[in-house]
Amino acid sequence: MSKIILEGYVLAADCDLADVVRELADHIRLTREEKGCLVFEVTQDNKNKNRFNVYEEFTSQRAFNFHQERIRTSNWGKLSSKLEKHYDLR
């Protein structure tokens, strides 16, 4: 199986920014604990406080799909549904 890489960024509205910052640490921790997660980095941009740069690597499509399913019912999943997403998947 081929490794899956997702790279890009999300944009949070001002009204959601505090919630994103609050939930992000738990989301990162839970994702890094997932079987098949190789790299998971989400960092707030230095120039735009509403932008969060994202880089993810998973061992396989199956591991990536598991990650996507897990977050759908999480606090982060509910919150991130409000975010504007700009991703490249390879």
PDB file of N, CA and C in Angstrom:
ATOM      1  N   MET A   1       0.835  -1.195   0.000  1.00  0.00           N
ATOM      2  CA  MET A   1       0.000   0.000   0.000  1.00  0.00           C
ATOM      3  C   MET A   1       0.875   1.251   0.000  1.00  0.00           C
ATOM      4  N   SER A   2       0.354   2.293  -0.583  1.00  0.00           N
ATOM      5  CA  SER A   2       1.083   3.550  -0.681  1.00  0.00           C
ATOM      6  C   SER A   2       0.770   4.477   0.480  1.00  0.00           C
ATOM      7  N   LYS A   3       1.784   5.218   0.860  1.00  0.00           N
ATOM      8  CA  LYS A   3       1.625   6.225   1.908  1.00  0.00           C
ATOM      9  C   LYS A   3       0.708   7.336   1.395  1.00  0.00           C
ATOM     10  N   ILE A   4      -0.114   7.893   2.279  1.00  0.00           N
ATOM     11  CA  ILE A   4      -1.012   9.005   1.961  1.00  0.00           C
ATOM     12  C   ILE A   4      -0.467  10.255   2.637  1.00  0.00           C
ATOM     13  N   ILE A   5      -0.366  11.335   1.856  1.00  0.00           N
ATOM     14  CA  ILE A   5       0.098  12.620   2.377  1.00  0.00           C
ATOM     15  C   ILE A   5      -0.963  13.668   2.093  1.00  0.00           C
ATOM     16  N   LEU A   6      -1.318  14.410   3.121  1.00  0.00           N
ATOM     17  CA  LEU A   6      -2.231  15.541   2.995  1.00  0.00           C
ATOM     18  C   LEU A   6      -1.463  16.776   3.434  1.00  0.00           C
ATOM     19  N   GLU A   7      -1.529  17.818   2.600  1.00  0.00           N
ATOM     20  CA  GLU A   7      -0.833  19.057   2.929  1.00  0.00           C
ATOM     21  C   GLU A   7      -1.711  20.235   2.520  1.00  0.00           C
ATOM     22  N   GLY A   8      -1.712  21.267   3.342  1.00  0.00           N
ATOM     23  CA  GLY A   8      -2.479  22.462   3.021  1.00  0.00           C
ATOM     24  C   GLY A   8      -2.703  23.315   4.249  1.00  0.00           C
ATOM     25  N   TYR A   9      -3.894  23.889   4.300  1.00  0.00           N
ATOM     26  CA  TYR A   9      -4.199  24.754   5.434  1.00  0.00           C
ATOM     27  C   TYR A   9      -5.714  24.863   5.603  1.00  0.00           C
ATOM     28  N   VAL A  10      -6.101  25.294   6.789  1.00  0.00           N
ATOM     29  CA  VAL A  10      -7.497  25.608   7.089  1.00  0.00           C
ATOM     30  C   VAL A  10      -7.551  27.049   7.568  1.00  0.00           C
ATOM     31  N   LEU A  11      -8.682  27.667   7.319  1.00  0.00           N
ATOM     32  CA  LEU A  11      -8.914  29.034   7.782  1.00  0.00           C
ATOM     33  C   LEU A  11     -10.074  29.031   8.760  1.00  0.00           C
ATOM     34  N   ALA A  12      -9.875  29.666   9.900  1.00  0.00           N
ATOM     35  CA  ALA A  12     -10.903  29.784  10.929  1.00  0.00           C
ATOM     36  C   ALA A  12     -11.430  31.206  10.949  1.00  0.00           C
ATOM     37  N   ALA A  13     -12.737  31.343  11.057  1.00  0.00           N
ATOM     38  CA  ALA A  13     -13.335  32.666  11.227  1.00  0.00           C
ATOM     39  C   ALA A  13     -12.954  33.199  12.608  1.00  0.00           C
ATOM     40  N   ASP A  14     -12.946  34.506  12.746  1.00  0.00           N
ATOM     41  CA  ASP A  14     -12.617  35.110  14.042  1.00  0.00           C
ATOM     42  C   ASP A  14     -13.478  34.536  15.166  1.00  0.00           C
ATOM     43  N   CYS A  15     -14.752  34.305  14.890  1.00  0.00           N
ATOM     44  CA  CYS A  15     -15.657  33.814  15.931  1.00  0.00           C
ATOM     45  C   CYS A  15     -15.355  32.374  16.359  1.00  0.00           C
ATOM     46  N   ASP A  16     -14.608  31.615  15.549  1.00  0.00           N
ATOM     47  CA  ASP A  16     -14.264  30.227  15.867  1.00  0.00           C
ATOM     48  C   ASP A  16     -12.821  30.056  16.336  1.00  0.00           C
ATOM     49  N   LEU A  17     -12.039  31.101  16.272  1.00  0.00           N
ATOM     50  CA  LEU A  17     -10.600  31.001  16.511  1.00  0.00           C
ATOM     51  C   LEU A  17     -10.262  30.466  17.901  1.00  0.00           C
ATOM     52  N   ALA A  18     -10.881  30.970  18.921  1.00  0.00           N
ATOM     53  CA  ALA A  18     -10.589  30.517  20.291  1.00  0.00           C
ATOM     54  C   ALA A  18     -10.919  29.035  20.450  1.00  0.00           C
ATOM     55  N   ASP A  19     -12.030  28.586  19.872  1.00  0.00           N
ATOM     56  CA  ASP A  19     -12.403  27.174  19.952  1.00  0.00           C
ATOM     57  C   ASP A  19     -11.405  26.295  19.214  1.00  0.00           C
ATOM     58  N   VAL A  20     -10.948  26.741  18.057  1.00  0.00           N
ATOM     59  CA  VAL A  20      -9.963  25.978  17.287  1.00  0.00           C
ATOM     60  C   VAL A  20      -8.688  25.824  18.096  1.00  0.00           C
ATOM     61  N   VAL A  21      -8.191  26.895  18.635  1.00  0.00           N
ATOM     62  CA  VAL A  21      -6.962  26.844  19.432  1.00  0.00           C
ATOM     63  C   VAL A  21      -7.153  25.916  20.636  1.00  0.00           C
ATOM     64  N   ARG A  22      -8.292  25.998  21.291  1.00  0.00           N
ATOM     65  CA  ARG A  22      -8.557  25.172  22.478  1.00  0.00           C
ATOM     66  C   ARG A  22      -8.621  23.684  22.137  1.00  0.00           C
ATOM     67  N   GLU A  23      -9.247  23.313  21.042  1.00  0.00           N
ATOM     68  CA  GLU A  23      -9.444  21.904  20.685  1.00  0.00           C
ATOM     69  C   GLU A  23      -8.259  21.282  19.961  1.00  0.00           C
ATOM     70  N   LEU A  24      -7.402  22.098  19.400  1.00  0.00           N
ATOM     71  CA  LEU A  24      -6.349  21.595  18.531  1.00  0.00           C
ATOM     72  C   LEU A  24      -5.374  20.646  19.217  1.00  0.00           C
ATOM     73  N   ALA A  25      -4.944  20.955  20.404  1.00  0.00           N
ATOM     74  CA  ALA A  25      -3.964  20.098  21.094  1.00  0.00           C
ATOM     75  C   ALA A  25      -4.494  18.685  21.290  1.00  0.00           C
ATOM     76  N   ASP A  26      -5.748  18.554  21.674  1.00  0.00           N
ATOM     77  CA  ASP A  26      -6.346  17.230  21.869  1.00  0.00           C
ATOM     78  C   ASP A  26      -6.471  16.498  20.533  1.00  0.00           C
ATOM     79  N   HIS A  27      -6.857  17.219  19.493  1.00  0.00           N
ATOM     80  CA  HIS A  27      -6.971  16.618  18.166  1.00  0.00           C
ATOM     81  C   HIS A  27      -5.618  16.087  17.689  1.00  0.00           C
ATOM     82  N   ILE A  28      -4.584  16.856  17.883  1.00  0.00           N
ATOM     83  CA  ILE A  28      -3.240  16.425  17.483  1.00  0.00           C
ATOM     84  C   ILE A  28      -2.824  15.188  18.274  1.00  0.00           C
ATOM     85  N   ARG A  29      -3.027  15.218  19.572  1.00  0.00           N
ATOM     86  CA  ARG A  29      -2.639  14.076  20.415  1.00  0.00           C
ATOM     87  C   ARG A  29      -3.356  12.803  19.993  1.00  0.00           C
ATOM     88  N   LEU A  30      -4.673  12.877  19.818  1.00  0.00           N
ATOM     89  CA  LEU A  30      -5.453  11.701  19.435  1.00  0.00           C
ATOM     90  C   LEU A  30      -5.040  11.167  18.070  1.00  0.00           C
ATOM     91  N   THR A  31      -4.771  12.061  17.148  1.00  0.00           N
ATOM     92  CA  THR A  31      -4.367  11.623  15.808  1.00  0.00           C
ATOM     93  C   THR A  31      -3.011  10.951  15.838  1.00  0.00           C
ATOM     94  N   ARG A  32      -2.073  11.517  16.555  1.00  0.00           N
ATOM     95  CA  ARG A  32      -0.732  10.913  16.625  1.00  0.00           C
ATOM     96  C   ARG A  32      -0.754   9.539  17.279  1.00  0.00           C
ATOM     97  N   GLU A  33      -1.774   9.255  18.076  1.00  0.00           N
ATOM     98  CA  GLU A  33      -1.921   7.947  18.715  1.00  0.00           C
ATOM     99  C   GLU A  33      -2.533   6.906  17.781  1.00  0.00           C
ATOM    100  N   GLU A  34      -3.091   7.317  16.665  1.00  0.00           N
ATOM    101  CA  GLU A  34      -3.741   6.391  15.741  1.00  0.00           C
ATOM    102  C   GLU A  34      -2.717   5.465  15.076  1.00  0.00           C
ATOM    103  N   LYS A  35      -3.095   4.216  14.936  1.00  0.00           N
ATOM    104  CA  LYS A  35      -2.270   3.269  14.213  1.00  0.00           C
ATOM    105  C   LYS A  35      -2.200   3.736  12.759  1.00  0.00           C
ATOM    106  N   GLY A  36      -1.009   3.823  12.240  1.00  0.00           N
ATOM    107  CA  GLY A  36      -0.846   4.223  10.847  1.00  0.00           C
ATOM    108  C   GLY A  36      -0.532   5.694  10.646  1.00  0.00           C
ATOM    109  N   CYS A  37      -0.570   6.478  11.709  1.00  0.00           N
ATOM    110  CA  CYS A  37      -0.200   7.889  11.601  1.00  0.00           C
ATOM    111  C   CYS A  37       1.321   7.992  11.711  1.00  0.00           C
ATOM    112  N   LEU A  38       1.937   8.537  10.669  1.00  0.00           N
ATOM    113  CA  LEU A  38       3.388   8.717  10.662  1.00  0.00           C
ATOM    114  C   LEU A  38       3.788  10.126  11.095  1.00  0.00           C
ATOM    115  N   VAL A  39       3.083  11.116  10.554  1.00  0.00           N
ATOM    116  CA  VAL A  39       3.363  12.515  10.860  1.00  0.00           C
ATOM    117  C   VAL A  39       2.032  13.246  10.904  1.00  0.00           C
ATOM    118  N   PHE A  40       1.869  14.108  11.897  1.00  0.00           N
ATOM    119  CA  PHE A  40       0.663  14.927  11.973  1.00  0.00           C
ATOM    120  C   PHE A  40       1.038  16.260  12.602  1.00  0.00           C
ATOM    121  N   GLU A  41       1.064  17.292  11.778  1.00  0.00           N
ATOM    122  CA  GLU A  41       1.450  18.625  12.227  1.00  0.00           C
ATOM    123  C   GLU A  41       0.367  19.626  11.827  1.00  0.00           C
ATOM    124  N   VAL A  42      -0.111  20.382  12.797  1.00  0.00           N
ATOM    125  CA  VAL A  42      -1.029  21.491  12.538  1.00  0.00           C
ATOM    126  C   VAL A  42      -0.488  22.665  13.344  1.00  0.00           C
ATOM    127  N   THR A  43      -0.100  23.728  12.635  1.00  0.00           N
ATOM    128  CA  THR A  43       0.503  24.871  13.313  1.00  0.00           C
ATOM    129  C   THR A  43      -0.169  26.158  12.875  1.00  0.00           C
ATOM    130  N   GLN A  44      -0.356  27.027  13.838  1.00  0.00           N
ATOM    131  CA  GLN A  44      -0.927  28.332  13.544  1.00  0.00           C
ATOM    132  C   GLN A  44       0.098  29.155  12.777  1.00  0.00           C
ATOM    133  N   ASP A  45      -0.327  29.776  11.707  1.00  0.00           N
ATOM    134  CA  ASP A  45       0.555  30.555  10.843  1.00  0.00           C
ATOM    135  C   ASP A  45       1.099  31.778  11.593  1.00  0.00           C
ATOM    136  N   ASN A  46       2.345  32.111  11.352  1.00  0.00           N
ATOM    137  CA  ASN A  46       2.981  33.254  12.020  1.00  0.00           C
ATOM    138  C   ASN A  46       2.442  34.599  11.542  1.00  0.00           C
ATOM    139  N   LYS A  47       1.968  34.662  10.309  1.00  0.00           N
ATOM    140  CA  LYS A  47       1.520  35.938   9.742  1.00  0.00           C
ATOM    141  C   LYS A  47       0.009  36.117   9.761  1.00  0.00           C
ATOM    142  N   ASN A  48      -0.731  35.008   9.785  1.00  0.00           N
ATOM    143  CA  ASN A  48      -2.196  35.058   9.756  1.00  0.00           C
ATOM    144  C   ASN A  48      -2.723  34.171  10.869  1.00  0.00           C
ATOM    145  N   LYS A  49      -3.195  34.769  11.947  1.00  0.00           N
ATOM    146  CA  LYS A  49      -3.639  33.997  13.126  1.00  0.00           C
ATOM    147  C   LYS A  49      -4.822  33.088  12.825  1.00  0.00           C
ATOM    148  N   ASN A  50      -5.545  33.329  11.739  1.00  0.00           N
ATOM    149  CA  ASN A  50      -6.705  32.522  11.383  1.00  0.00           C
ATOM    150  C   ASN A  50      -6.354  31.327  10.497  1.00  0.00           C
ATOM    151  N   ARG A  51      -5.104  31.238  10.086  1.00  0.00           N
ATOM    152  CA  ARG A  51      -4.658  30.156   9.207  1.00  0.00           C
ATOM    153  C   ARG A  51      -3.873  29.123  10.020  1.00  0.00           C
ATOM    154  N   PHE A  52      -4.194  27.850   9.759  1.00  0.00           N
ATOM    155  CA  PHE A  52      -3.505  26.740  10.407  1.00  0.00           C
ATOM    156  C   PHE A  52      -2.954  25.830   9.320  1.00  0.00           C
ATOM    157  N   ASN A  53      -1.626  25.727   9.275  1.00  0.00           N
ATOM    158  CA  ASN A  53      -0.962  24.912   8.266  1.00  0.00           C
ATOM    159  C   ASN A  53      -0.995  23.446   8.689  1.00  0.00           C
ATOM    160  N   VAL A  54      -1.292  22.590   7.730  1.00  0.00           N
ATOM    161  CA  VAL A  54      -1.529  21.172   8.009  1.00  0.00           C
ATOM    162  C   VAL A  54      -0.598  20.308   7.160  1.00  0.00           C
ATOM    163  N   TYR A  55       0.029  19.321   7.803  1.00  0.00           N
ATOM    164  CA  TYR A  55       0.807  18.313   7.095  1.00  0.00           C
ATOM    165  C   TYR A  55       0.558  16.979   7.785  1.00  0.00           C
ATOM    166  N   GLU A  56       0.121  15.994   7.005  1.00  0.00           N
ATOM    167  CA  GLU A  56      -0.204  14.679   7.543  1.00  0.00           C
ATOM    168  C   GLU A  56       0.411  13.599   6.671  1.00  0.00           C
ATOM    169  N   GLU A  57       0.890  12.520   7.294  1.00  0.00           N
ATOM    170  CA  GLU A  57       1.318  11.325   6.582  1.00  0.00           C
ATOM    171  C   GLU A  57       0.728  10.112   7.292  1.00  0.00           C
ATOM    172  N   PHE A  58       0.127   9.240   6.500  1.00  0.00           N
ATOM    173  CA  PHE A  58      -0.427   7.988   7.007  1.00  0.00           C
ATOM    174  C   PHE A  58       0.157   6.836   6.203  1.00  0.00           C
ATOM    175  N   THR A  59       0.282   5.689   6.820  1.00  0.00           N
ATOM    176  CA  THR A  59       0.912   4.538   6.185  1.00  0.00           C
ATOM    177  C   THR A  59       0.142   4.029   4.976  1.00  0.00           C
ATOM    178  N   SER A  60      -1.176   4.253   4.943  1.00  0.00           N
ATOM    179  CA  SER A  60      -2.005   3.686   3.877  1.00  0.00           C
ATOM    180  C   SER A  60      -3.322   4.446   3.757  1.00  0.00           C
ATOM    181  N   GLN A  61      -4.027   4.159   2.699  1.00  0.00           N
ATOM    182  CA  GLN A  61      -5.360   4.731   2.523  1.00  0.00           C
ATOM    183  C   GLN A  61      -6.278   4.276   3.653  1.00  0.00           C
ATOM    184  N   ARG A  62      -6.115   3.042   4.069  1.00  0.00           N
ATOM    185  CA  ARG A  62      -6.935   2.505   5.161  1.00  0.00           C
ATOM    186  C   ARG A  62      -6.725   3.291   6.452  1.00  0.00           C
ATOM    187  N   ALA A  63      -5.466   3.592   6.791  1.00  0.00           N
ATOM    188  CA  ALA A  63      -5.165   4.365   8.003  1.00  0.00           C
ATOM    189  C   ALA A  63      -5.720   5.782   7.882  1.00  0.00           C
ATOM    190  N   PHE A  64      -5.594   6.371   6.701  1.00  0.00           N
ATOM    191  CA  PHE A  64      -6.138   7.708   6.478  1.00  0.00           C
ATOM    192  C   PHE A  64      -7.663   7.697   6.606  1.00  0.00           C
ATOM    193  N   ASN A  65      -8.314   6.693   6.043  1.00  0.00           N
ATOM    194  CA  ASN A  65      -9.773   6.583   6.144  1.00  0.00           C
ATOM    195  C   ASN A  65     -10.216   6.423   7.593  1.00  0.00           C
ATOM    196  N   PHE A  66      -9.473   5.639   8.371  1.00  0.00           N
ATOM    197  CA  PHE A  66      -9.792   5.476   9.788  1.00  0.00           C
ATOM    198  C   PHE A  66      -9.732   6.830  10.488  1.00  0.00           C
ATOM    199  N   HIS A  67      -8.694   7.595  10.187  1.00  0.00           N
ATOM    200  CA  HIS A  67      -8.553   8.922  10.780  1.00  0.00           C
ATOM    201  C   HIS A  67      -9.763   9.794  10.445  1.00  0.00           C
ATOM    202  N   GLN A  68     -10.154   9.806   9.197  1.00  0.00           N
ATOM    203  CA  GLN A  68     -11.294  10.616   8.774  1.00  0.00           C
ATOM    204  C   GLN A  68     -12.579  10.188   9.483  1.00  0.00           C
ATOM    205  N   GLU A  69     -12.770   8.903   9.619  1.00  0.00           N
ATOM    206  CA  GLU A  69     -13.962   8.389  10.315  1.00  0.00           C
ATOM    207  C   GLU A  69     -13.947   8.760  11.795  1.00  0.00           C
ATOM    208  N   ARG A  70     -12.778   8.644  12.421  1.00  0.00           N
ATOM    209  CA  ARG A  70     -12.691   8.953  13.852  1.00  0.00           C
ATOM    210  C   ARG A  70     -13.040  10.406  14.124  1.00  0.00           C
ATOM    211  N   ILE A  71     -12.558  11.304  13.307  1.00  0.00           N
ATOM    212  CA  ILE A  71     -12.801  12.709  13.620  1.00  0.00           C
ATOM    213  C   ILE A  71     -14.232  13.150  13.334  1.00  0.00           C
ATOM    214  N   ARG A  72     -14.966  12.414  12.518  1.00  0.00           N
ATOM    215  CA  ARG A  72     -16.349  12.822  12.205  1.00  0.00           C
ATOM    216  C   ARG A  72     -17.207  12.991  13.452  1.00  0.00           C
ATOM    217  N   THR A  73     -16.988  12.160  14.454  1.00  0.00           N
ATOM    218  CA  THR A  73     -17.818  12.218  15.661  1.00  0.00           C
ATOM    219  C   THR A  73     -17.110  12.890  16.837  1.00  0.00           C
ATOM    220  N   SER A  74     -15.926  13.419  16.595  1.00  0.00           N
ATOM    221  CA  SER A  74     -15.172  14.059  17.676  1.00  0.00           C
ATOM    222  C   SER A  74     -15.532  15.536  17.790  1.00  0.00           C
ATOM    223  N   ASN A  75     -15.111  16.143  18.891  1.00  0.00           N
ATOM    224  CA  ASN A  75     -15.296  17.594  19.051  1.00  0.00           C
ATOM    225  C   ASN A  75     -14.615  18.342  17.910  1.00  0.00           C
ATOM    226  N   TRP A  76     -13.403  17.893  17.559  1.00  0.00           N
ATOM    227  CA  TRP A  76     -12.682  18.542  16.467  1.00  0.00           C
ATOM    228  C   TRP A  76     -13.458  18.415  15.154  1.00  0.00           C
ATOM    229  N   GLY A  77     -14.038  17.270  14.911  1.00  0.00           N
ATOM    230  CA  GLY A  77     -14.792  17.069  13.678  1.00  0.00           C
ATOM    231  C   GLY A  77     -15.963  18.024  13.558  1.00  0.00           C
ATOM    232  N   LYS A  78     -16.671  18.213  14.641  1.00  0.00           N
ATOM    233  CA  LYS A  78     -17.800  19.150  14.634  1.00  0.00           C
ATOM    234  C   LYS A  78     -17.307  20.579  14.409  1.00  0.00           C
ATOM    235  N   LEU A  79     -16.234  20.945  15.077  1.00  0.00           N
ATOM    236  CA  LEU A  79     -15.684  22.283  14.944  1.00  0.00           C
ATOM    237  C   LEU A  79     -15.074  22.499  13.559  1.00  0.00           C
ATOM    238  N   SER A  80     -14.339  21.521  13.076  1.00  0.00           N
ATOM    239  CA  SER A  80     -13.648  21.693  11.796  1.00  0.00           C
ATOM    240  C   SER A  80     -14.601  21.726  10.611  1.00  0.00           C
ATOM    241  N   SER A  81     -15.829  21.285  10.800  1.00  0.00           N
ATOM    242  CA  SER A  81     -16.807  21.375   9.705  1.00  0.00           C
ATOM    243  C   SER A  81     -17.094  22.830   9.347  1.00  0.00           C
ATOM    244  N   LYS A  82     -16.776  23.754  10.244  1.00  0.00           N
ATOM    245  CA  LYS A  82     -16.976  25.181   9.999  1.00  0.00           C
ATOM    246  C   LYS A  82     -15.778  25.833   9.303  1.00  0.00           C
ATOM    247  N   LEU A  83     -14.654  25.135   9.238  1.00  0.00           N
ATOM    248  CA  LEU A  83     -13.426  25.724   8.722  1.00  0.00           C
ATOM    249  C   LEU A  83     -13.357  25.633   7.199  1.00  0.00           C
ATOM    250  N   GLU A  84     -12.738  26.634   6.599  1.00  0.00           N
ATOM    251  CA  GLU A  84     -12.477  26.628   5.168  1.00  0.00           C
ATOM    252  C   GLU A  84     -11.214  25.831   4.939  1.00  0.00           C
ATOM    253  N   LYS A  85     -11.299  24.776   4.132  1.00  0.00           N
ATOM    254  CA  LYS A  85     -10.182  23.854   3.958  1.00  0.00           C
ATOM    255  C   LYS A  85      -9.559  23.968   2.578  1.00  0.00           C
ATOM    256  N   HIS A  86      -8.243  23.937   2.554  1.00  0.00           N
ATOM    257  CA  HIS A  86      -7.473  23.980   1.308  1.00  0.00           C
ATOM    258  C   HIS A  86      -6.401  22.890   1.403  1.00  0.00           C
ATOM    259  N   TYR A  87      -6.690  21.722   0.818  1.00  0.00           N
ATOM    260  CA  TYR A  87      -5.801  20.568   0.957  1.00  0.00           C
ATOM    261  C   TYR A  87      -5.398  20.025  -0.407  1.00  0.00           C
ATOM    262  N   ASP A  88      -4.190  19.466  -0.451  1.00  0.00           N
ATOM    263  CA  ASP A  88      -3.739  18.623  -1.544  1.00  0.00           C
ATOM    264  C   ASP A  88      -3.512  17.245  -0.950  1.00  0.00           C
ATOM    265  N   LEU A  89      -4.043  16.240  -1.612  1.00  0.00           N
ATOM    266  CA  LEU A  89      -3.917  14.863  -1.142  1.00  0.00           C
ATOM    267  C   LEU A  89      -3.132  14.082  -2.193  1.00  0.00           C
ATOM    268  N   ARG A  90      -2.109  13.402  -1.732  1.00  0.00           N
ATOM    269  CA  ARG A  90      -1.336  12.568  -2.669  1.00  0.00           C
ATOM    270  C   ARG A  90      -0.912  11.272  -2.013  1.00  0.00           C
TER     271      ARG A  90
END
